[in-house]
Amino acid sequence: MYSARQQKGEASLAKLLSVTPGTVNHWLWRRRPVPVAQCVRIEQLTGGQVTRQMLRPDDWESIWPDIEKSQE
């Protein structure tokens, strides 16, 4: 079930990233991949609670080879 709290969180993140809440929703439901530059910003904004590896699980190693697997 989609909660009002989730919707508020998506709207807040969208505002911080200068994108629409719909864009954040598409990333959340994996309808669209999160752009590389946004991954870094999201990781920073969440204090590492949401990582680049979580946002790009299929290709993070090729995008950020400097991140060690132990940080997953």
Protein backbone atom coordinates (compact mmCIF):
# COMPACT_ATOMS: atom_id res chain seq x y z
CA MET A 1 0.00 0.00 0.00
CA TYR A 2 1.31 3.42 -0.98
CA SER A 3 1.28 5.74 2.02
CA ALA A 4 1.05 9.50 2.35
CA ARG A 5 4.39 9.36 4.15
CA GLN A 6 6.05 7.78 1.10
CA GLN A 7 4.48 10.38 -1.15
CA LYS A 8 5.76 13.19 1.08
CA GLY A 9 9.25 11.67 1.09
CA GLU A 10 9.27 11.41 -2.69
CA ALA A 11 8.12 15.02 -3.00
CA SER A 12 10.81 16.22 -0.58
CA LEU A 13 13.55 14.32 -2.39
CA ALA A 14 12.28 15.55 -5.76
CA LYS A 15 12.50 19.14 -4.57
CA LEU A 16 16.07 18.67 -3.32
CA LEU A 17 17.07 17.10 -6.66
CA SER A 18 15.14 19.60 -8.81
CA VAL A 19 13.08 16.87 -10.46
CA THR A 20 9.38 16.02 -10.36
CA PRO A 21 7.90 13.69 -7.75
CA GLY A 22 6.82 11.50 -10.67
CA THR A 23 10.45 11.08 -11.70
CA VAL A 24 11.38 9.95 -8.19
CA ASN A 25 8.44 7.55 -8.24
CA HIS A 26 9.68 6.05 -11.51
CA TRP A 27 13.11 5.53 -9.97
CA LEU A 28 11.58 3.97 -6.87
CA TRP A 29 9.54 1.47 -8.89
CA ARG A 30 12.46 0.92 -11.31
CA ARG A 31 10.52 2.15 -14.31
CA ARG A 32 13.55 4.29 -15.13
CA PRO A 33 17.14 4.02 -13.94
CA VAL A 34 18.39 6.69 -11.57
CA PRO A 35 20.82 8.95 -13.48
CA VAL A 36 24.43 8.52 -12.39
CA ALA A 37 24.81 12.10 -11.12
CA GLN A 38 21.61 11.80 -9.10
CA CYS A 39 22.86 8.59 -7.46
CA VAL A 40 25.79 10.42 -5.93
CA ARG A 41 23.53 13.25 -4.75
CA ILE A 42 20.97 10.86 -3.25
CA GLU A 43 23.73 9.01 -1.40
CA GLN A 44 24.94 12.33 0.01
CA LEU A 45 21.47 13.58 0.93
CA THR A 46 20.60 10.36 2.75
CA GLY A 47 23.89 10.20 4.62
CA GLY A 48 24.68 6.88 2.96
CA GLN A 49 21.42 5.20 3.96
CA VAL A 50 20.66 4.88 0.25
CA THR A 51 23.81 3.96 -1.64
CA ARG A 52 24.85 4.15 -5.28
CA GLN A 53 25.02 0.37 -5.24
CA MET A 54 21.37 0.18 -4.18
CA LEU A 55 20.32 2.66 -6.84
CA ARG A 56 22.27 1.03 -9.69
CA PRO A 57 22.60 -2.65 -8.67
CA ASP A 58 23.28 -3.92 -12.19
CA ASP A 59 26.05 -1.56 -13.26
CA TRP A 60 27.50 0.31 -10.29
CA GLU A 61 30.84 -1.52 -10.55
CA SER A 62 31.46 -0.23 -14.07
CA ILE A 63 30.33 3.31 -13.18
CA TRP A 64 32.21 3.64 -9.88
CA PRO A 65 35.11 1.15 -10.00
CA ASP A 66 36.70 2.94 -7.03
CA ILE A 67 33.98 1.66 -4.69
CA GLU A 68 35.06 -1.57 -3.08
CA LYS A 69 32.68 -4.51 -2.97
CA SER A 70 33.07 -4.57 0.80
CA GLN A 71 31.13 -1.31 0.94
CA GLU A 72 28.00 -2.92 -0.53
